[in-house]
Amino acid sequence: MKQHELRSFRKLLRMLERLTANQLKEESCCHGVTLAQCHTILEIEALDQATTIALAKRLGLDKSTLSRTVDGLVNVGLVERVPHPTDRRFMLLSLTAQGRGVADQINQSNDHYYSRVFREIDTDKHREVIDNFETLVLTMRKHRDSLASEKRCTPGLVKEKLGKNVIE
């Protein structure tokens, strides 16, 4: 791909990121939760129950960052921790009834918003938009995971790529 095409794509991606973040802040996360908490609630809902490790991997966060987000959700009664039934070293996270209510509100406002957006796109292109977006997301996730794996395996990678002394 040519440099100007890559930069054009990146510009569109930044615009999409801002539009999506603003929409989430304004429409869905006005239910008393932060954007990070919103994402966490929706992922727990999708999984039904999850360990912190599984949830952190899905969200692309480190465990300590996610733990702080989850602590806030537990403190306000939206998420509960229960011991794992077969491995006491782990806690399972699940939504409380109040948390499911917040998830429902977030989903309803997002469904309404994106229904309006898709009304502006020709019906015969809906599947194409979804398929292409899925391809992009899956490819980006795969790339993110391979980079994370590289970083774990080669701690001197940054120093090696920069070609100069870097404090590790």
N, C-alpha and C. Protein backbone atom coordinates (compact mmCIF):
# COMPACT_ATOMS: atom_id res chain seq x y z
N MET A 1 0.85 -1.17 0.00
CA MET A 1 0.00 0.00 0.00
C MET A 1 0.89 1.24 0.00
N LYS A 2 0.50 2.23 -0.74
CA LYS A 2 1.29 3.45 -0.85
C LYS A 2 1.14 4.31 0.41
N GLN A 3 2.18 5.12 0.66
CA GLN A 3 2.21 5.94 1.87
C GLN A 3 0.99 6.85 1.97
N HIS A 4 0.59 7.51 0.88
CA HIS A 4 -0.56 8.41 0.95
C HIS A 4 -1.85 7.66 1.24
N GLU A 5 -1.95 6.41 0.79
CA GLU A 5 -3.13 5.59 1.08
C GLU A 5 -3.15 5.21 2.57
N LEU A 6 -1.96 4.84 3.09
CA LEU A 6 -1.87 4.51 4.51
C LEU A 6 -2.24 5.71 5.38
N ARG A 7 -1.75 6.87 5.02
CA ARG A 7 -2.03 8.07 5.80
C ARG A 7 -3.50 8.46 5.71
N SER A 8 -4.08 8.28 4.56
CA SER A 8 -5.51 8.54 4.39
C SER A 8 -6.33 7.59 5.26
N PHE A 9 -5.94 6.31 5.25
CA PHE A 9 -6.61 5.32 6.10
C PHE A 9 -6.46 5.68 7.57
N ARG A 10 -5.24 6.03 7.98
CA ARG A 10 -5.00 6.39 9.39
C ARG A 10 -5.83 7.60 9.80
N LYS A 11 -5.95 8.57 8.91
CA LYS A 11 -6.77 9.75 9.20
C LYS A 11 -8.22 9.34 9.42
N LEU A 12 -8.74 8.49 8.56
CA LEU A 12 -10.12 8.01 8.71
C LEU A 12 -10.28 7.21 10.01
N LEU A 13 -9.29 6.43 10.34
CA LEU A 13 -9.34 5.64 11.57
C LEU A 13 -9.37 6.55 12.81
N ARG A 14 -8.56 7.61 12.79
CA ARG A 14 -8.57 8.57 13.91
C ARG A 14 -9.93 9.24 14.02
N MET A 15 -10.51 9.60 12.88
CA MET A 15 -11.83 10.22 12.89
C MET A 15 -12.87 9.25 13.45
N LEU A 16 -12.80 7.99 13.03
CA LEU A 16 -13.72 6.97 13.54
C LEU A 16 -13.53 6.79 15.04
N GLU A 17 -12.30 6.78 15.48
CA GLU A 17 -12.00 6.63 16.91
C GLU A 17 -12.63 7.77 17.71
N ARG A 18 -12.46 9.00 17.24
CA ARG A 18 -13.04 10.15 17.95
C ARG A 18 -14.56 10.10 17.93
N LEU A 19 -15.14 9.78 16.78
CA LEU A 19 -16.60 9.71 16.68
C LEU A 19 -17.16 8.63 17.60
N THR A 20 -16.51 7.48 17.62
CA THR A 20 -16.97 6.38 18.46
C THR A 20 -16.81 6.72 19.94
N ALA A 21 -15.67 7.27 20.31
CA ALA A 21 -15.44 7.64 21.71
C ALA A 21 -16.44 8.69 22.17
N ASN A 22 -16.67 9.69 21.34
CA ASN A 22 -17.64 10.73 21.70
C ASN A 22 -19.04 10.16 21.83
N GLN A 23 -19.41 9.29 20.91
CA GLN A 23 -20.74 8.67 20.97
C GLN A 23 -20.88 7.85 22.23
N LEU A 24 -19.87 7.08 22.57
CA LEU A 24 -19.94 6.26 23.79
C LEU A 24 -20.04 7.13 25.03
N LYS A 25 -19.26 8.21 25.07
CA LYS A 25 -19.31 9.10 26.23
C LYS A 25 -20.66 9.78 26.35
N GLU A 26 -21.16 10.31 25.25
CA GLU A 26 -22.39 11.08 25.29
C GLU A 26 -23.64 10.22 25.41
N GLU A 27 -23.71 9.13 24.65
CA GLU A 27 -24.95 8.38 24.59
C GLU A 27 -25.00 7.21 25.55
N SER A 28 -23.93 6.43 25.63
CA SER A 28 -24.05 5.22 26.42
C SER A 28 -23.53 5.36 27.83
N CYS A 29 -22.48 6.09 28.01
CA CYS A 29 -21.85 6.09 29.32
C CYS A 29 -22.36 7.21 30.21
N CYS A 30 -23.50 7.72 29.88
CA CYS A 30 -24.12 8.69 30.77
C CYS A 30 -24.88 7.94 31.87
N HIS A 31 -24.73 6.66 31.93
CA HIS A 31 -25.41 5.84 32.93
C HIS A 31 -24.56 5.70 34.19
N GLY A 32 -23.71 6.67 34.42
CA GLY A 32 -22.94 6.70 35.65
C GLY A 32 -21.64 5.92 35.62
N VAL A 33 -21.17 5.54 34.43
CA VAL A 33 -19.92 4.80 34.34
C VAL A 33 -18.98 5.50 33.38
N THR A 34 -17.69 5.26 33.57
CA THR A 34 -16.68 5.83 32.68
C THR A 34 -16.63 5.01 31.39
N LEU A 35 -15.91 5.49 30.42
CA LEU A 35 -15.75 4.77 29.16
C LEU A 35 -15.08 3.41 29.40
N ALA A 36 -14.05 3.37 30.22
CA ALA A 36 -13.37 2.10 30.52
C ALA A 36 -14.32 1.14 31.22
N GLN A 37 -15.13 1.66 32.14
CA GLN A 37 -16.10 0.81 32.83
C GLN A 37 -17.17 0.31 31.86
N CYS A 38 -17.56 1.17 30.93
CA CYS A 38 -18.54 0.81 29.91
C CYS A 38 -18.03 -0.39 29.11
N HIS A 39 -16.80 -0.33 28.64
CA HIS A 39 -16.22 -1.43 27.87
C HIS A 39 -16.15 -2.70 28.72
N THR A 40 -15.77 -2.55 29.98
CA THR A 40 -15.65 -3.71 30.86
C THR A 40 -17.00 -4.36 31.09
N ILE A 41 -18.02 -3.56 31.34
CA ILE A 41 -19.38 -4.08 31.55
C ILE A 41 -19.85 -4.86 30.32
N LEU A 42 -19.64 -4.29 29.14
CA LEU A 42 -20.11 -4.95 27.92
C LEU A 42 -19.34 -6.25 27.64
N GLU A 43 -18.05 -6.30 27.98
CA GLU A 43 -17.29 -7.53 27.78
C GLU A 43 -17.72 -8.61 28.77
N ILE A 44 -17.96 -8.21 30.03
CA ILE A 44 -18.44 -9.19 31.01
C ILE A 44 -19.80 -9.72 30.57
N GLU A 45 -20.66 -8.83 30.09
CA GLU A 45 -21.97 -9.26 29.61
C GLU A 45 -21.82 -10.27 28.47
N ALA A 46 -20.93 -9.99 27.53
CA ALA A 46 -20.73 -10.88 26.39
C ALA A 46 -20.22 -12.26 26.82
N LEU A 47 -19.37 -12.29 27.86
CA LEU A 47 -18.78 -13.54 28.33
C LEU A 47 -19.63 -14.24 29.39
N ASP A 48 -20.56 -13.53 29.98
CA ASP A 48 -21.39 -13.98 31.10
C ASP A 48 -20.59 -13.99 32.40
N GLN A 49 -19.46 -14.68 32.42
CA GLN A 49 -18.54 -14.67 33.55
C GLN A 49 -17.12 -14.68 32.98
N ALA A 50 -16.20 -14.06 33.70
CA ALA A 50 -14.81 -14.03 33.21
C ALA A 50 -13.85 -13.85 34.36
N THR A 51 -12.65 -14.36 34.18
CA THR A 51 -11.58 -14.06 35.12
C THR A 51 -10.98 -12.72 34.71
N THR A 52 -10.27 -12.09 35.61
CA THR A 52 -9.61 -10.83 35.30
C THR A 52 -8.61 -11.02 34.17
N ILE A 53 -7.91 -12.14 34.17
CA ILE A 53 -6.90 -12.40 33.14
C ILE A 53 -7.55 -12.50 31.76
N ALA A 54 -8.64 -13.26 31.64
CA ALA A 54 -9.33 -13.40 30.36
C ALA A 54 -9.90 -12.07 29.89
N LEU A 55 -10.45 -11.32 30.83
CA LEU A 55 -11.04 -10.02 30.48
C LEU A 55 -9.96 -9.02 30.06
N ALA A 56 -8.83 -9.01 30.76
CA ALA A 56 -7.73 -8.12 30.40
C ALA A 56 -7.23 -8.43 28.99
N LYS A 57 -7.11 -9.70 28.67
CA LYS A 57 -6.65 -10.08 27.33
C LYS A 57 -7.65 -9.62 26.27
N ARG A 58 -8.93 -9.83 26.52
CA ARG A 58 -9.95 -9.41 25.55
C ARG A 58 -9.97 -7.91 25.33
N LEU A 59 -9.75 -7.17 26.40
CA LEU A 59 -9.77 -5.70 26.31
C LEU A 59 -8.41 -5.12 25.91
N GLY A 60 -7.37 -5.96 25.90
CA GLY A 60 -6.04 -5.47 25.54
C GLY A 60 -5.44 -4.59 26.61
N LEU A 61 -5.72 -4.91 27.88
CA LEU A 61 -5.21 -4.13 29.00
C LEU A 61 -4.33 -5.00 29.88
N ASP A 62 -3.47 -4.35 30.67
CA ASP A 62 -2.73 -5.15 31.65
C ASP A 62 -3.65 -5.41 32.84
N LYS A 63 -3.32 -6.46 33.57
CA LYS A 63 -4.19 -6.94 34.65
C LYS A 63 -4.40 -5.87 35.73
N SER A 64 -3.37 -5.11 36.07
CA SER A 64 -3.50 -4.11 37.14
C SER A 64 -4.43 -2.97 36.73
N THR A 65 -4.37 -2.55 35.48
CA THR A 65 -5.27 -1.50 34.99
C THR A 65 -6.70 -1.99 35.05
N LEU A 66 -6.93 -3.19 34.56
CA LEU A 66 -8.28 -3.74 34.59
C LEU A 66 -8.78 -3.93 36.02
N SER A 67 -7.90 -4.36 36.91
CA SER A 67 -8.30 -4.57 38.31
C SER A 67 -8.84 -3.29 38.94
N ARG A 68 -8.21 -2.16 38.64
CA ARG A 68 -8.70 -0.89 39.17
C ARG A 68 -10.09 -0.56 38.62
N THR A 69 -10.29 -0.82 37.34
CA THR A 69 -11.60 -0.58 36.73
C THR A 69 -12.65 -1.48 37.37
N VAL A 70 -12.32 -2.75 37.52
CA VAL A 70 -13.25 -3.71 38.12
C VAL A 70 -13.54 -3.34 39.57
N ASP A 71 -12.52 -2.91 40.32
CA ASP A 71 -12.73 -2.50 41.72
C ASP A 71 -13.79 -1.42 41.80
N GLY A 72 -13.71 -0.44 40.90
CA GLY A 72 -14.71 0.63 40.89
C GLY A 72 -16.11 0.09 40.61
N LEU A 73 -16.21 -0.86 39.69
CA LEU A 73 -17.51 -1.45 39.35
C LEU A 73 -18.06 -2.30 40.50
N VAL A 74 -17.18 -2.99 41.20
CA VAL A 74 -17.60 -3.78 42.36
C VAL A 74 -18.09 -2.84 43.47
N ASN A 75 -17.34 -1.76 43.68
CA ASN A 75 -17.69 -0.80 44.75
C ASN A 75 -19.06 -0.15 44.56
N VAL A 76 -19.48 0.04 43.29
CA VAL A 76 -20.80 0.65 43.06
C VAL A 76 -21.88 -0.39 42.81
N GLY A 77 -21.53 -1.67 42.94
CA GLY A 77 -22.53 -2.72 42.86
C GLY A 77 -22.93 -3.18 41.46
N LEU A 78 -22.08 -2.92 40.47
CA LEU A 78 -22.42 -3.34 39.11
C LEU A 78 -21.80 -4.70 38.73
N VAL A 79 -20.70 -5.05 39.41
CA VAL A 79 -20.00 -6.31 39.15
C VAL A 79 -19.78 -7.00 40.48
N GLU A 80 -19.83 -8.33 40.44
CA GLU A 80 -19.51 -9.10 41.65
C GLU A 80 -18.41 -10.09 41.34
N ARG A 81 -17.63 -10.37 42.38
CA ARG A 81 -16.57 -11.38 42.28
C ARG A 81 -17.05 -12.60 43.06
N VAL A 82 -16.92 -13.76 42.42
CA VAL A 82 -17.26 -15.01 43.10
C VAL A 82 -16.10 -15.98 42.89
N PRO A 83 -15.82 -16.82 43.86
CA PRO A 83 -14.72 -17.77 43.70
C PRO A 83 -14.97 -18.72 42.53
N HIS A 84 -13.92 -19.01 41.80
CA HIS A 84 -14.00 -19.96 40.68
C HIS A 84 -14.37 -21.32 41.28
N PRO A 85 -15.32 -22.04 40.67
CA PRO A 85 -15.77 -23.31 41.27
C PRO A 85 -14.73 -24.41 41.31
N THR A 86 -13.76 -24.39 40.39
CA THR A 86 -12.78 -25.48 40.35
C THR A 86 -11.36 -25.03 40.68
N ASP A 87 -11.11 -23.74 40.69
CA ASP A 87 -9.76 -23.25 40.97
C ASP A 87 -9.85 -22.03 41.88
N ARG A 88 -9.64 -22.22 43.15
CA ARG A 88 -9.80 -21.16 44.16
C ARG A 88 -8.80 -20.01 44.00
N ARG A 89 -7.80 -20.17 43.15
CA ARG A 89 -6.84 -19.09 42.93
C ARG A 89 -7.47 -17.95 42.13
N PHE A 90 -8.57 -18.23 41.43
CA PHE A 90 -9.20 -17.25 40.55
C PHE A 90 -10.57 -16.85 41.05
N MET A 91 -10.92 -15.62 40.73
CA MET A 91 -12.26 -15.12 41.00
C MET A 91 -12.95 -14.92 39.65
N LEU A 92 -14.23 -15.22 39.61
CA LEU A 92 -15.01 -14.97 38.41
C LEU A 92 -15.74 -13.65 38.56
N LEU A 93 -15.76 -12.88 37.51
CA LEU A 93 -16.46 -11.61 37.49
C LEU A 93 -17.77 -11.80 36.74
N SER A 94 -18.84 -11.25 37.30
CA SER A 94 -20.12 -11.29 36.60
C SER A 94 -20.88 -10.02 36.95
N LEU A 95 -21.86 -9.71 36.12
CA LEU A 95 -22.68 -8.53 36.36
C LEU A 95 -23.73 -8.83 37.42
N THR A 96 -23.97 -7.87 38.27
CA THR A 96 -25.08 -7.96 39.20
C THR A 96 -26.36 -7.61 38.43
N ALA A 97 -27.50 -7.71 39.07
CA ALA A 97 -28.76 -7.31 38.43
C ALA A 97 -28.68 -5.84 38.01
N GLN A 98 -28.11 -5.01 38.86
CA GLN A 98 -27.95 -3.58 38.55
C GLN A 98 -26.99 -3.41 37.37
N GLY A 99 -25.92 -4.21 37.33
CA GLY A 99 -24.96 -4.16 36.22
C GLY A 99 -25.60 -4.59 34.91
N ARG A 100 -26.46 -5.62 34.96
CA ARG A 100 -27.17 -6.03 33.74
C ARG A 100 -28.10 -4.93 33.27
N GLY A 101 -28.71 -4.20 34.20
CA GLY A 101 -29.56 -3.08 33.83
C GLY A 101 -28.78 -1.98 33.12
N VAL A 102 -27.59 -1.67 33.63
CA VAL A 102 -26.74 -0.66 32.99
C VAL A 102 -26.32 -1.15 31.60
N ALA A 103 -25.94 -2.44 31.50
CA ALA A 103 -25.56 -3.00 30.20
C ALA A 103 -26.72 -2.90 29.21
N ASP A 104 -27.93 -3.19 29.68
CA ASP A 104 -29.11 -3.07 28.80
C ASP A 104 -29.31 -1.64 28.32
N GLN A 105 -29.14 -0.68 29.22
CA GLN A 105 -29.28 0.73 28.83
C GLN A 105 -28.23 1.14 27.81
N ILE A 106 -26.99 0.71 28.03
CA ILE A 106 -25.91 1.01 27.10
C ILE A 106 -26.22 0.38 25.73
N ASN A 107 -26.63 -0.88 25.74
CA ASN A 107 -26.94 -1.56 24.49
C ASN A 107 -28.10 -0.90 23.75
N GLN A 108 -29.13 -0.52 24.47
CA GLN A 108 -30.28 0.11 23.83
C GLN A 108 -29.90 1.44 23.19
N SER A 109 -29.13 2.26 23.89
CA SER A 109 -28.76 3.55 23.31
C SER A 109 -27.83 3.37 22.12
N ASN A 110 -26.92 2.38 22.19
CA ASN A 110 -26.04 2.11 21.06
C ASN A 110 -26.81 1.51 19.87
N ASP A 111 -27.74 0.61 20.16
CA ASP A 111 -28.56 0.04 19.09
C ASP A 111 -29.32 1.15 18.36
N HIS A 112 -29.87 2.07 19.12
CA HIS A 112 -30.61 3.18 18.53
C HIS A 112 -29.68 4.05 17.67
N TYR A 113 -28.53 4.38 18.20
CA TYR A 113 -27.57 5.22 17.47
C TYR A 113 -27.14 4.56 16.16
N TYR A 114 -26.71 3.29 16.24
CA TYR A 114 -26.18 2.64 15.04
C TYR A 114 -27.29 2.27 14.05
N SER A 115 -28.51 2.11 14.52
CA SER A 115 -29.63 1.95 13.59
C SER A 115 -29.79 3.20 12.75
N ARG A 116 -29.66 4.36 13.38
CA ARG A 116 -29.74 5.62 12.64
C ARG A 116 -28.59 5.75 11.65
N VAL A 117 -27.40 5.34 12.06
CA VAL A 117 -26.23 5.41 11.17
C VAL A 117 -26.45 4.50 9.95
N PHE A 118 -26.88 3.26 10.20
CA PHE A 118 -27.05 2.32 9.09
C PHE A 118 -28.21 2.70 8.16
N ARG A 119 -29.14 3.49 8.63
CA ARG A 119 -30.20 3.98 7.74
C ARG A 119 -29.63 4.88 6.64
N GLU A 120 -28.46 5.46 6.90
CA GLU A 120 -27.81 6.35 5.92
C GLU A 120 -26.97 5.57 4.91
N ILE A 121 -26.84 4.27 5.10
CA ILE A 121 -26.05 3.42 4.20
C ILE A 121 -27.03 2.54 3.44
N ASP A 122 -26.78 2.38 2.14
CA ASP A 122 -27.65 1.52 1.33
C ASP A 122 -27.76 0.14 1.98
N THR A 123 -28.97 -0.37 2.04
CA THR A 123 -29.24 -1.66 2.68
C THR A 123 -28.39 -2.78 2.08
N ASP A 124 -28.20 -2.75 0.77
CA ASP A 124 -27.41 -3.81 0.14
C ASP A 124 -25.92 -3.73 0.49
N LYS A 125 -25.49 -2.68 1.17
CA LYS A 125 -24.08 -2.55 1.57
C LYS A 125 -23.87 -2.86 3.06
N HIS A 126 -24.94 -3.08 3.82
CA HIS A 126 -24.80 -3.34 5.26
C HIS A 126 -23.87 -4.51 5.54
N ARG A 127 -24.10 -5.65 4.89
CA ARG A 127 -23.28 -6.84 5.13
C ARG A 127 -21.83 -6.58 4.76
N GLU A 128 -21.61 -5.87 3.66
CA GLU A 128 -20.25 -5.55 3.21
C GLU A 128 -19.52 -4.69 4.25
N VAL A 129 -20.20 -3.70 4.79
CA VAL A 129 -19.60 -2.83 5.82
C VAL A 129 -19.22 -3.66 7.03
N ILE A 130 -20.14 -4.51 7.48
CA ILE A 130 -19.89 -5.33 8.67
C ILE A 130 -18.73 -6.31 8.41
N ASP A 131 -18.75 -6.97 7.26
CA ASP A 131 -17.69 -7.94 6.95
C ASP A 131 -16.32 -7.28 6.87
N ASN A 132 -16.24 -6.13 6.21
CA ASN A 132 -14.96 -5.43 6.09
C ASN A 132 -14.47 -4.93 7.44
N PHE A 133 -15.39 -4.44 8.25
CA PHE A 133 -15.02 -3.97 9.58
C PHE A 133 -14.53 -5.14 10.43
N GLU A 134 -15.20 -6.27 10.33
CA GLU A 134 -14.77 -7.46 11.07
C GLU A 134 -13.37 -7.89 10.65
N THR A 135 -13.11 -7.88 9.35
CA THR A 135 -11.78 -8.24 8.85
C THR A 135 -10.72 -7.32 9.43
N LEU A 136 -10.99 -6.03 9.45
CA LEU A 136 -10.05 -5.05 9.99
C LEU A 136 -9.81 -5.30 11.48
N VAL A 137 -10.86 -5.48 12.23
CA VAL A 137 -10.73 -5.68 13.68
C VAL A 137 -9.97 -6.97 13.99
N LEU A 138 -10.32 -8.04 13.33
CA LEU A 138 -9.64 -9.31 13.58
C LEU A 138 -8.15 -9.25 13.21
N THR A 139 -7.85 -8.59 12.11
CA THR A 139 -6.45 -8.44 11.69
C THR A 139 -5.68 -7.58 12.67
N MET A 140 -6.30 -6.48 13.12
CA MET A 140 -5.62 -5.61 14.09
C MET A 140 -5.41 -6.33 15.42
N ARG A 141 -6.39 -7.12 15.85
CA ARG A 141 -6.25 -7.87 17.10
C ARG A 141 -5.13 -8.90 16.98
N LYS A 142 -5.07 -9.59 15.84
CA LYS A 142 -4.02 -10.58 15.62
C LYS A 142 -2.65 -9.90 15.66
N HIS A 143 -2.55 -8.76 15.01
CA HIS A 143 -1.28 -8.01 15.00
C HIS A 143 -0.91 -7.56 16.42
N ARG A 144 -1.89 -7.05 17.17
CA ARG A 144 -1.64 -6.62 18.55
C ARG A 144 -1.13 -7.79 19.38
N ASP A 145 -1.77 -8.96 19.24
CA ASP A 145 -1.37 -10.13 20.01
C ASP A 145 0.03 -10.60 19.64
N SER A 146 0.37 -10.54 18.35
CA SER A 146 1.71 -10.97 17.95
C SER A 146 2.77 -9.98 18.45
N LEU A 147 2.45 -8.69 18.47
CA LEU A 147 3.39 -7.71 19.02
C LEU A 147 3.58 -7.92 20.52
N ALA A 148 2.50 -8.19 21.22
CA ALA A 148 2.60 -8.44 22.66
C ALA A 148 3.44 -9.68 22.92
N SER A 149 3.26 -10.68 22.10
CA SER A 149 4.05 -11.91 22.24
C SER A 149 5.52 -11.64 21.96
N GLU A 150 5.80 -10.83 20.94
CA GLU A 150 7.18 -10.46 20.61
C GLU A 150 7.85 -9.74 21.77
N LYS A 151 7.11 -8.81 22.37
CA LYS A 151 7.67 -8.02 23.48
C LYS A 151 7.99 -8.90 24.67
N ARG A 152 7.14 -9.90 24.93
CA ARG A 152 7.41 -10.81 26.05
C ARG A 152 8.63 -11.67 25.77
N CYS A 153 8.83 -12.03 24.52
CA CYS A 153 9.92 -12.95 24.17
C CYS A 153 11.25 -12.24 23.98
N THR A 154 11.23 -10.98 23.60
CA THR A 154 12.47 -10.29 23.28
C THR A 154 12.54 -8.94 24.00
N PRO A 155 12.93 -8.95 25.28
CA PRO A 155 12.95 -7.69 26.04
C PRO A 155 13.89 -6.64 25.47
N GLY A 156 14.92 -7.04 24.71
CA GLY A 156 15.85 -6.08 24.15
C GLY A 156 15.43 -5.57 22.78
N LEU A 157 14.22 -5.87 22.35
CA LEU A 157 13.76 -5.53 21.02
C LEU A 157 13.82 -4.03 20.75
N VAL A 158 13.36 -3.22 21.70
CA VAL A 158 13.36 -1.77 21.49
C VAL A 158 14.79 -1.27 21.34
N LYS A 159 15.67 -1.72 22.21
CA LYS A 159 17.07 -1.30 22.15
C LYS A 159 17.68 -1.70 20.82
N GLU A 160 17.39 -2.93 20.40
CA GLU A 160 17.94 -3.44 19.15
C GLU A 160 17.44 -2.63 17.95
N LYS A 161 16.14 -2.29 17.94
CA LYS A 161 15.58 -1.55 16.82
C LYS A 161 16.06 -0.10 16.79
N LEU A 162 16.26 0.50 17.97
CA LEU A 162 16.72 1.87 18.00
C LEU A 162 18.22 1.98 17.69
N GLY A 163 18.95 0.90 17.93
CA GLY A 163 20.36 0.89 17.60
C GLY A 163 21.19 1.79 18.51
N LYS A 164 20.71 2.05 19.70
CA LYS A 164 21.49 2.85 20.64
C LYS A 164 21.18 2.39 22.06
N ASN A 165 21.90 2.92 23.01
CA ASN A 165 21.69 2.52 24.39
C ASN A 165 20.34 3.03 24.90
N VAL A 166 19.57 2.12 25.42
CA VAL A 166 18.27 2.45 25.99
C VAL A 166 18.23 1.83 27.38
N ILE A 167 17.76 2.59 28.33
CA ILE A 167 17.62 2.05 29.68
C ILE A 167 16.43 1.10 29.69
N GLU A 168 16.67 -0.13 30.14
CA GLU A 168 15.59 -1.14 30.17
C GLU A 168 14.82 -1.05 31.44
